[in-house]
Amino acid sequence: MLFAAPVSAPATVRQCDRHGDRYELRELSLSADLNEWAQWPHLSQVGRLVHHWTVRGQRHTEVSYLITSLSAPQTTPGQVLALVRGHWGIENRLHWVRDVTFDEDRCQVRSGAAPQVLAACRNLVIGLLRRQGASNIAAALRTCAGHPRQALALVTTP
């Protein structure tokens, strides 16, 4: 209800992106209107992020809500949007790669310290490949599989 009929106009930022055939529009609105009614400690602002995207002519919309301890004088809606996108960047750059490229969810190693060791090894491989400039980990793994000396150089070069 706050964003449908706000007490004061929320601070808003819009961001458009295009990646190949995918067009994205994000609109983040922040408001401090709930501060006096909310019981959350350190609450400074609430926000609504509306994410519209179009892929091959098909439109999609997702609405997310957030709370933050950052006050309006401390930050702008653009900075909060960058923080939100940065959070999902970690999810997409690490966890998605581990889930899809390494098929981690189907790994049947479950006893002792082995799952943590394997996760650390996967993270090490991803980190080494990213340090060498790889943006597509799956393609980099295929390259390393075909060129073992190049793969060994990842580990031995400082």
N, C-alpha and C. Protein backbone atom coordinates (compact mmCIF):
# COMPACT_ATOMS: atom_id res chain seq x y z
N MET A 1 0.80 -1.19 0.00
CA MET A 1 0.00 0.00 0.00
C MET A 1 0.85 1.27 0.00
N LEU A 2 2.02 1.18 0.62
CA LEU A 2 2.87 2.36 0.71
C LEU A 2 3.21 2.90 -0.68
N PHE A 3 3.55 2.01 -1.61
CA PHE A 3 3.97 2.46 -2.92
C PHE A 3 2.78 2.75 -3.83
N ALA A 4 1.60 2.22 -3.49
CA ALA A 4 0.40 2.50 -4.27
C ALA A 4 -0.11 3.91 -3.99
N ALA A 5 -0.09 4.32 -2.72
CA ALA A 5 -0.54 5.66 -2.33
C ALA A 5 0.43 6.21 -1.28
N PRO A 6 1.65 6.61 -1.70
CA PRO A 6 2.65 7.04 -0.74
C PRO A 6 2.28 8.35 -0.06
N VAL A 7 2.76 8.49 1.19
CA VAL A 7 2.56 9.74 1.93
C VAL A 7 3.37 10.84 1.26
N SER A 8 4.59 10.54 0.90
CA SER A 8 5.42 11.47 0.14
C SER A 8 5.98 10.72 -1.06
N ALA A 9 6.38 11.45 -2.06
CA ALA A 9 6.87 10.82 -3.28
C ALA A 9 8.16 10.05 -2.99
N PRO A 10 8.20 8.75 -3.30
CA PRO A 10 9.42 7.98 -3.04
C PRO A 10 10.53 8.38 -4.01
N ALA A 11 11.76 8.27 -3.54
CA ALA A 11 12.91 8.50 -4.41
C ALA A 11 13.01 7.31 -5.36
N THR A 12 13.15 7.57 -6.64
CA THR A 12 13.08 6.51 -7.64
C THR A 12 14.23 6.62 -8.63
N VAL A 13 14.70 5.46 -9.08
CA VAL A 13 15.70 5.41 -10.13
C VAL A 13 15.28 4.33 -11.12
N ARG A 14 15.57 4.57 -12.40
CA ARG A 14 15.27 3.60 -13.46
C ARG A 14 16.57 3.25 -14.16
N GLN A 15 16.69 1.98 -14.53
CA GLN A 15 17.89 1.53 -15.22
C GLN A 15 17.49 0.58 -16.34
N CYS A 16 17.99 0.83 -17.53
CA CYS A 16 17.69 -0.01 -18.69
C CYS A 16 18.96 -0.73 -19.13
N ASP A 17 18.82 -1.97 -19.52
CA ASP A 17 19.94 -2.77 -20.03
C ASP A 17 19.46 -3.57 -21.22
N ARG A 18 20.42 -3.90 -22.09
CA ARG A 18 20.13 -4.77 -23.21
C ARG A 18 21.29 -5.75 -23.36
N HIS A 19 20.97 -7.03 -23.36
CA HIS A 19 21.96 -8.08 -23.53
C HIS A 19 21.46 -9.01 -24.63
N GLY A 20 21.99 -8.85 -25.82
CA GLY A 20 21.53 -9.67 -26.94
C GLY A 20 20.06 -9.41 -27.22
N ASP A 21 19.24 -10.45 -27.13
CA ASP A 21 17.80 -10.28 -27.39
C ASP A 21 17.01 -10.05 -26.11
N ARG A 22 17.70 -9.79 -25.02
CA ARG A 22 17.04 -9.57 -23.72
C ARG A 22 17.11 -8.08 -23.37
N TYR A 23 15.95 -7.48 -23.17
CA TYR A 23 15.84 -6.07 -22.78
C TYR A 23 15.32 -6.04 -21.35
N GLU A 24 16.00 -5.27 -20.47
CA GLU A 24 15.61 -5.22 -19.07
C GLU A 24 15.41 -3.78 -18.61
N LEU A 25 14.41 -3.59 -17.77
CA LEU A 25 14.15 -2.30 -17.14
C LEU A 25 13.94 -2.55 -15.66
N ARG A 26 14.70 -1.87 -14.82
CA ARG A 26 14.55 -1.97 -13.37
C ARG A 26 14.17 -0.60 -12.84
N GLU A 27 13.20 -0.59 -11.94
CA GLU A 27 12.78 0.66 -11.29
C GLU A 27 12.77 0.43 -9.79
N LEU A 28 13.61 1.16 -9.07
CA LEU A 28 13.70 1.03 -7.62
C LEU A 28 13.16 2.30 -6.98
N SER A 29 12.19 2.13 -6.08
CA SER A 29 11.64 3.26 -5.32
C SER A 29 11.94 3.03 -3.86
N LEU A 30 12.45 4.08 -3.19
CA LEU A 30 12.78 4.01 -1.76
C LEU A 30 11.95 5.04 -1.00
N SER A 31 11.53 4.67 0.21
CA SER A 31 10.74 5.57 1.04
C SER A 31 11.09 5.37 2.51
N ALA A 32 11.05 6.45 3.26
CA ALA A 32 11.26 6.40 4.71
C ALA A 32 9.94 6.58 5.45
N ASP A 33 8.81 6.52 4.74
CA ASP A 33 7.50 6.78 5.34
C ASP A 33 7.09 5.77 6.41
N LEU A 34 7.62 4.56 6.38
CA LEU A 34 7.24 3.54 7.36
C LEU A 34 8.08 3.56 8.63
N ASN A 35 9.09 4.38 8.69
CA ASN A 35 10.02 4.36 9.82
C ASN A 35 9.34 4.53 11.16
N GLU A 36 8.37 5.42 11.26
CA GLU A 36 7.74 5.66 12.56
C GLU A 36 6.76 4.56 12.96
N TRP A 37 6.32 3.71 12.02
CA TRP A 37 5.37 2.64 12.35
C TRP A 37 6.04 1.28 12.50
N ALA A 38 7.18 1.10 11.91
CA ALA A 38 7.83 -0.22 11.90
C ALA A 38 8.54 -0.49 13.22
N GLN A 39 8.63 -1.76 13.58
CA GLN A 39 9.29 -2.17 14.80
C GLN A 39 10.69 -2.75 14.55
N TRP A 40 11.19 -2.64 13.33
CA TRP A 40 12.50 -3.19 13.02
C TRP A 40 13.59 -2.23 13.50
N PRO A 41 14.56 -2.74 14.24
CA PRO A 41 15.65 -1.86 14.65
C PRO A 41 16.50 -1.46 13.44
N HIS A 42 16.94 -0.23 13.42
CA HIS A 42 17.84 0.31 12.39
C HIS A 42 17.19 0.45 11.01
N LEU A 43 15.87 0.32 10.92
CA LEU A 43 15.20 0.50 9.64
C LEU A 43 15.27 1.97 9.24
N SER A 44 15.78 2.23 8.04
CA SER A 44 15.82 3.59 7.54
C SER A 44 14.93 3.79 6.32
N GLN A 45 14.87 2.78 5.46
CA GLN A 45 14.07 2.90 4.25
C GLN A 45 13.51 1.54 3.84
N VAL A 46 12.39 1.58 3.16
CA VAL A 46 11.85 0.38 2.51
C VAL A 46 11.89 0.66 1.01
N GLY A 47 11.95 -0.41 0.24
CA GLY A 47 12.03 -0.21 -1.20
C GLY A 47 11.23 -1.23 -1.97
N ARG A 48 10.90 -0.86 -3.18
CA ARG A 48 10.22 -1.76 -4.11
C ARG A 48 11.01 -1.75 -5.41
N LEU A 49 11.40 -2.93 -5.84
CA LEU A 49 12.13 -3.07 -7.10
C LEU A 49 11.23 -3.79 -8.09
N VAL A 50 10.90 -3.10 -9.18
CA VAL A 50 10.10 -3.69 -10.25
C VAL A 50 11.06 -3.97 -11.40
N HIS A 51 11.11 -5.24 -11.79
CA HIS A 51 12.03 -5.68 -12.83
C HIS A 51 11.20 -6.20 -14.00
N HIS A 52 11.28 -5.51 -15.13
CA HIS A 52 10.60 -5.92 -16.37
C HIS A 52 11.68 -6.42 -17.32
N TRP A 53 11.43 -7.53 -17.99
CA TRP A 53 12.35 -7.96 -19.02
C TRP A 53 11.58 -8.60 -20.16
N THR A 54 12.16 -8.47 -21.34
CA THR A 54 11.56 -9.00 -22.55
C THR A 54 12.59 -9.88 -23.25
N VAL A 55 12.21 -11.11 -23.53
CA VAL A 55 13.07 -12.03 -24.27
C VAL A 55 12.27 -12.58 -25.44
N ARG A 56 12.80 -12.38 -26.63
CA ARG A 56 12.14 -12.84 -27.85
C ARG A 56 10.68 -12.43 -27.91
N GLY A 57 10.40 -11.19 -27.52
CA GLY A 57 9.06 -10.65 -27.61
C GLY A 57 8.14 -11.03 -26.45
N GLN A 58 8.58 -11.89 -25.55
CA GLN A 58 7.75 -12.29 -24.41
C GLN A 58 8.13 -11.45 -23.19
N ARG A 59 7.13 -10.79 -22.60
CA ARG A 59 7.36 -9.87 -21.48
C ARG A 59 7.17 -10.58 -20.14
N HIS A 60 8.02 -10.21 -19.18
CA HIS A 60 7.96 -10.75 -17.83
C HIS A 60 8.12 -9.60 -16.83
N THR A 61 7.53 -9.75 -15.65
CA THR A 61 7.65 -8.74 -14.60
C THR A 61 7.83 -9.45 -13.27
N GLU A 62 8.71 -8.90 -12.43
CA GLU A 62 8.94 -9.42 -11.09
C GLU A 62 9.01 -8.23 -10.14
N VAL A 63 8.34 -8.32 -9.01
CA VAL A 63 8.36 -7.25 -8.02
C VAL A 63 8.99 -7.80 -6.74
N SER A 64 9.98 -7.08 -6.22
CA SER A 64 10.65 -7.46 -4.97
C SER A 64 10.59 -6.28 -4.02
N TYR A 65 10.57 -6.58 -2.74
CA TYR A 65 10.57 -5.54 -1.71
C TYR A 65 11.81 -5.70 -0.86
N LEU A 66 12.31 -4.60 -0.32
CA LEU A 66 13.53 -4.65 0.48
C LEU A 66 13.45 -3.65 1.62
N ILE A 67 14.26 -3.91 2.63
CA ILE A 67 14.45 -2.94 3.71
C ILE A 67 15.94 -2.69 3.83
N THR A 68 16.29 -1.50 4.28
CA THR A 68 17.70 -1.16 4.42
C THR A 68 17.90 -0.26 5.63
N SER A 69 19.10 -0.34 6.19
CA SER A 69 19.46 0.54 7.30
C SER A 69 20.14 1.80 6.77
N LEU A 70 20.35 1.89 5.47
CA LEU A 70 20.97 3.08 4.88
C LEU A 70 19.93 4.19 4.77
N SER A 71 20.23 5.33 5.33
CA SER A 71 19.28 6.44 5.29
C SER A 71 19.40 7.19 3.97
N ALA A 72 18.38 7.99 3.68
CA ALA A 72 18.36 8.75 2.43
C ALA A 72 19.56 9.69 2.30
N PRO A 73 20.00 10.37 3.37
CA PRO A 73 21.19 11.20 3.20
C PRO A 73 22.47 10.39 2.93
N GLN A 74 22.49 9.13 3.38
CA GLN A 74 23.68 8.30 3.20
C GLN A 74 23.80 7.73 1.79
N THR A 75 22.68 7.50 1.15
CA THR A 75 22.71 6.79 -0.12
C THR A 75 21.60 7.26 -1.05
N THR A 76 21.79 7.00 -2.32
CA THR A 76 20.78 7.32 -3.33
C THR A 76 20.11 6.02 -3.78
N PRO A 77 18.96 6.11 -4.42
CA PRO A 77 18.34 4.89 -4.97
C PRO A 77 19.26 4.17 -5.96
N GLY A 78 20.04 4.93 -6.70
CA GLY A 78 20.97 4.32 -7.64
C GLY A 78 22.03 3.48 -6.94
N GLN A 79 22.52 3.94 -5.80
CA GLN A 79 23.50 3.18 -5.04
C GLN A 79 22.88 1.92 -4.45
N VAL A 80 21.64 2.02 -3.96
CA VAL A 80 20.96 0.84 -3.42
C VAL A 80 20.72 -0.18 -4.54
N LEU A 81 20.33 0.30 -5.71
CA LEU A 81 20.13 -0.61 -6.84
C LEU A 81 21.44 -1.31 -7.20
N ALA A 82 22.54 -0.59 -7.18
CA ALA A 82 23.85 -1.20 -7.45
C ALA A 82 24.18 -2.27 -6.41
N LEU A 83 23.85 -2.03 -5.14
CA LEU A 83 24.08 -3.03 -4.10
C LEU A 83 23.22 -4.27 -4.33
N VAL A 84 21.97 -4.08 -4.70
CA VAL A 84 21.08 -5.22 -4.97
C VAL A 84 21.60 -6.01 -6.16
N ARG A 85 21.99 -5.33 -7.21
CA ARG A 85 22.50 -6.02 -8.40
C ARG A 85 23.81 -6.71 -8.10
N GLY A 86 24.64 -6.10 -7.25
CA GLY A 86 25.90 -6.73 -6.85
C GLY A 86 25.67 -8.03 -6.10
N HIS A 87 24.64 -8.05 -5.26
CA HIS A 87 24.31 -9.29 -4.54
C HIS A 87 23.96 -10.39 -5.52
N TRP A 88 23.13 -10.09 -6.52
CA TRP A 88 22.76 -11.11 -7.49
C TRP A 88 23.92 -11.45 -8.41
N GLY A 89 24.85 -10.53 -8.57
CA GLY A 89 26.04 -10.83 -9.36
C GLY A 89 26.84 -11.95 -8.74
N ILE A 90 26.93 -11.96 -7.41
CA ILE A 90 27.62 -13.05 -6.71
C ILE A 90 26.88 -14.36 -6.96
N GLU A 91 25.57 -14.32 -6.83
CA GLU A 91 24.76 -15.52 -7.05
C GLU A 91 24.98 -16.06 -8.46
N ASN A 92 24.96 -15.17 -9.44
CA ASN A 92 25.08 -15.61 -10.83
C ASN A 92 26.49 -16.02 -11.20
N ARG A 93 27.50 -15.33 -10.67
CA ARG A 93 28.88 -15.62 -11.05
C ARG A 93 29.47 -16.82 -10.32
N LEU A 94 28.99 -17.15 -9.13
CA LEU A 94 29.57 -18.25 -8.39
C LEU A 94 28.60 -19.41 -8.23
N HIS A 95 27.49 -19.18 -7.57
CA HIS A 95 26.59 -20.28 -7.26
C HIS A 95 25.98 -20.91 -8.50
N TRP A 96 25.61 -20.09 -9.47
CA TRP A 96 25.02 -20.65 -10.69
C TRP A 96 26.06 -21.49 -11.41
N VAL A 97 27.31 -21.03 -11.46
CA VAL A 97 28.37 -21.79 -12.12
C VAL A 97 28.58 -23.12 -11.40
N ARG A 98 28.58 -23.07 -10.06
CA ARG A 98 28.75 -24.32 -9.31
C ARG A 98 27.57 -25.26 -9.54
N ASP A 99 26.36 -24.73 -9.58
CA ASP A 99 25.18 -25.58 -9.76
C ASP A 99 25.09 -26.16 -11.17
N VAL A 100 25.35 -25.35 -12.18
CA VAL A 100 25.12 -25.77 -13.55
C VAL A 100 26.37 -26.37 -14.19
N THR A 101 27.47 -25.63 -14.18
CA THR A 101 28.68 -26.09 -14.86
C THR A 101 29.30 -27.30 -14.17
N PHE A 102 29.36 -27.26 -12.84
CA PHE A 102 29.95 -28.37 -12.10
C PHE A 102 28.91 -29.40 -11.65
N ASP A 103 27.63 -29.12 -11.93
CA ASP A 103 26.53 -30.03 -11.58
C ASP A 103 26.61 -30.46 -10.11
N GLU A 104 26.89 -29.47 -9.26
CA GLU A 104 27.14 -29.72 -7.84
C GLU A 104 25.95 -30.34 -7.12
N ASP A 105 24.75 -30.01 -7.53
CA ASP A 105 23.57 -30.53 -6.84
C ASP A 105 23.44 -32.05 -6.95
N ARG A 106 23.99 -32.64 -7.99
CA ARG A 106 23.89 -34.09 -8.16
C ARG A 106 25.08 -34.84 -7.57
N CYS A 107 26.02 -34.13 -6.97
CA CYS A 107 27.18 -34.78 -6.36
C CYS A 107 26.71 -35.63 -5.18
N GLN A 108 27.17 -36.89 -5.11
CA GLN A 108 26.72 -37.80 -4.06
C GLN A 108 27.70 -37.92 -2.91
N VAL A 109 28.73 -37.08 -2.89
CA VAL A 109 29.67 -37.08 -1.78
C VAL A 109 29.03 -36.32 -0.63
N ARG A 110 28.77 -37.04 0.49
CA ARG A 110 28.03 -36.42 1.58
C ARG A 110 28.61 -36.67 2.96
N SER A 111 29.69 -37.41 3.09
CA SER A 111 30.16 -37.75 4.43
C SER A 111 31.48 -37.06 4.76
N GLY A 112 31.67 -36.82 6.06
CA GLY A 112 32.89 -36.20 6.55
C GLY A 112 33.09 -34.80 6.00
N ALA A 113 34.35 -34.47 5.75
CA ALA A 113 34.70 -33.14 5.25
C ALA A 113 34.74 -33.09 3.73
N ALA A 114 34.48 -34.21 3.07
CA ALA A 114 34.60 -34.29 1.62
C ALA A 114 33.74 -33.26 0.88
N PRO A 115 32.46 -33.03 1.27
CA PRO A 115 31.68 -32.03 0.54
C PRO A 115 32.30 -30.62 0.61
N GLN A 116 32.83 -30.25 1.78
CA GLN A 116 33.46 -28.93 1.91
C GLN A 116 34.76 -28.86 1.09
N VAL A 117 35.50 -29.97 1.06
CA VAL A 117 36.75 -30.00 0.29
C VAL A 117 36.44 -29.86 -1.20
N LEU A 118 35.45 -30.61 -1.68
CA LEU A 118 35.08 -30.51 -3.10
C LEU A 118 34.57 -29.11 -3.45
N ALA A 119 33.77 -28.51 -2.57
CA ALA A 119 33.29 -27.14 -2.82
C ALA A 119 34.46 -26.17 -2.88
N ALA A 120 35.43 -26.34 -1.97
CA ALA A 120 36.62 -25.47 -1.99
C ALA A 120 37.41 -25.67 -3.28
N CYS A 121 37.53 -26.89 -3.74
CA CYS A 121 38.24 -27.16 -5.01
C CYS A 121 37.51 -26.51 -6.19
N ARG A 122 36.19 -26.63 -6.21
CA ARG A 122 35.43 -25.99 -7.29
C ARG A 122 35.61 -24.47 -7.26
N ASN A 123 35.55 -23.89 -6.06
CA ASN A 123 35.75 -22.44 -5.92
C ASN A 123 37.15 -22.04 -6.36
N LEU A 124 38.15 -22.86 -6.04
CA LEU A 124 39.53 -22.59 -6.45
C LEU A 124 39.64 -22.57 -7.97
N VAL A 125 39.05 -23.56 -8.62
CA VAL A 125 39.09 -23.63 -10.08
C VAL A 125 38.41 -22.40 -10.69
N ILE A 126 37.24 -22.05 -10.17
CA ILE A 126 36.54 -20.87 -10.69
C ILE A 126 37.39 -19.63 -10.48
N GLY A 127 37.98 -19.48 -9.30
CA GLY A 127 38.83 -18.32 -9.02
C GLY A 127 40.05 -18.24 -9.93
N LEU A 128 40.71 -19.39 -10.17
CA LEU A 128 41.88 -19.40 -11.06
C LEU A 128 41.49 -19.02 -12.48
N LEU A 129 40.36 -19.56 -12.95
CA LEU A 129 39.92 -19.23 -14.31
C LEU A 129 39.51 -17.77 -14.43
N ARG A 130 38.82 -17.25 -13.42
CA ARG A 130 38.43 -15.83 -13.45
C ARG A 130 39.67 -14.93 -13.41
N ARG A 131 40.67 -15.33 -12.61
CA ARG A 131 41.91 -14.53 -12.53
C ARG A 131 42.60 -14.45 -13.89
N GLN A 132 42.46 -15.49 -14.69
CA GLN A 132 43.04 -15.50 -16.03
C GLN A 132 42.16 -14.80 -17.05
N GLY A 133 41.00 -14.28 -16.60
CA GLY A 133 40.15 -13.50 -17.50
C GLY A 133 38.99 -14.27 -18.11
N ALA A 134 38.75 -15.49 -17.67
CA ALA A 134 37.65 -16.28 -18.24
C ALA A 134 36.31 -15.74 -17.77
N SER A 135 35.43 -15.46 -18.70
CA SER A 135 34.08 -15.04 -18.34
C SER A 135 33.11 -16.20 -18.48
N ASN A 136 33.44 -17.16 -19.31
CA ASN A 136 32.61 -18.35 -19.50
C ASN A 136 33.38 -19.54 -18.92
N ILE A 137 33.02 -19.96 -17.72
CA ILE A 137 33.76 -21.02 -17.03
C ILE A 137 33.63 -22.35 -17.77
N ALA A 138 32.47 -22.67 -18.30
CA ALA A 138 32.29 -23.93 -19.02
C ALA A 138 33.23 -24.00 -20.23
N ALA A 139 33.32 -22.92 -20.99
CA ALA A 139 34.22 -22.90 -22.15
C ALA A 139 35.67 -22.99 -21.71
N ALA A 140 36.01 -22.32 -20.62
CA ALA A 140 37.39 -22.38 -20.11
C ALA A 140 37.74 -23.79 -19.65
N LEU A 141 36.79 -24.49 -19.03
CA LEU A 141 37.04 -25.88 -18.61
C LEU A 141 37.25 -26.78 -19.82
N ARG A 142 36.50 -26.57 -20.88
CA ARG A 142 36.69 -27.37 -22.10
C ARG A 142 38.06 -27.10 -22.70
N THR A 143 38.48 -25.83 -22.69
CA THR A 143 39.81 -25.47 -23.19
C THR A 143 40.89 -26.16 -22.37
N CYS A 144 40.75 -26.13 -21.05
CA CYS A 144 41.74 -26.77 -20.17
C CYS A 144 41.76 -28.28 -20.38
N ALA A 145 40.62 -28.89 -20.65
CA ALA A 145 40.56 -30.33 -20.88
C ALA A 145 41.33 -30.71 -22.14
N GLY A 146 41.31 -29.85 -23.13
CA GLY A 146 42.01 -30.11 -24.38
C GLY A 146 43.47 -29.69 -24.37
N HIS A 147 43.85 -28.86 -23.38
CA HIS A 147 45.22 -28.36 -23.28
C HIS A 147 45.71 -28.49 -21.84
N PRO A 148 46.13 -29.69 -21.44
CA PRO A 148 46.51 -29.91 -20.03
C PRO A 148 47.66 -29.02 -19.55
N ARG A 149 48.59 -28.67 -20.43
CA ARG A 149 49.70 -27.78 -20.01
C ARG A 149 49.17 -26.40 -19.65
N GLN A 150 48.19 -25.94 -20.38
CA GLN A 150 47.58 -24.65 -20.07
C GLN A 150 46.86 -24.71 -18.72
N ALA A 151 46.21 -25.83 -18.44
CA ALA A 151 45.55 -26.02 -17.15
C ALA A 151 46.57 -26.05 -16.02
N LEU A 152 47.68 -26.72 -16.23
CA LEU A 152 48.73 -26.78 -15.21
C LEU A 152 49.33 -25.40 -14.97
N ALA A 153 49.43 -24.60 -16.02
CA ALA A 153 49.96 -23.24 -15.88
C ALA A 153 49.07 -22.37 -14.99
N LEU A 154 47.77 -22.65 -14.94
CA LEU A 154 46.88 -21.90 -14.05
C LEU A 154 47.30 -22.05 -12.59
N VAL A 155 47.74 -23.26 -12.24
CA VAL A 155 48.10 -23.55 -10.86
C VAL A 155 49.53 -23.13 -10.55
N THR A 156 50.42 -23.21 -11.50
CA THR A 156 51.84 -22.98 -11.23
C THR A 156 52.28 -21.53 -11.42
N THR A 157 51.53 -20.75 -12.18
CA THR A 157 51.94 -19.34 -12.40
C THR A 157 51.43 -18.47 -11.25
N PRO A 158 52.30 -17.55 -10.80
CA PRO A 158 51.87 -16.65 -9.69
C PRO A 158 50.90 -15.60 -10.13
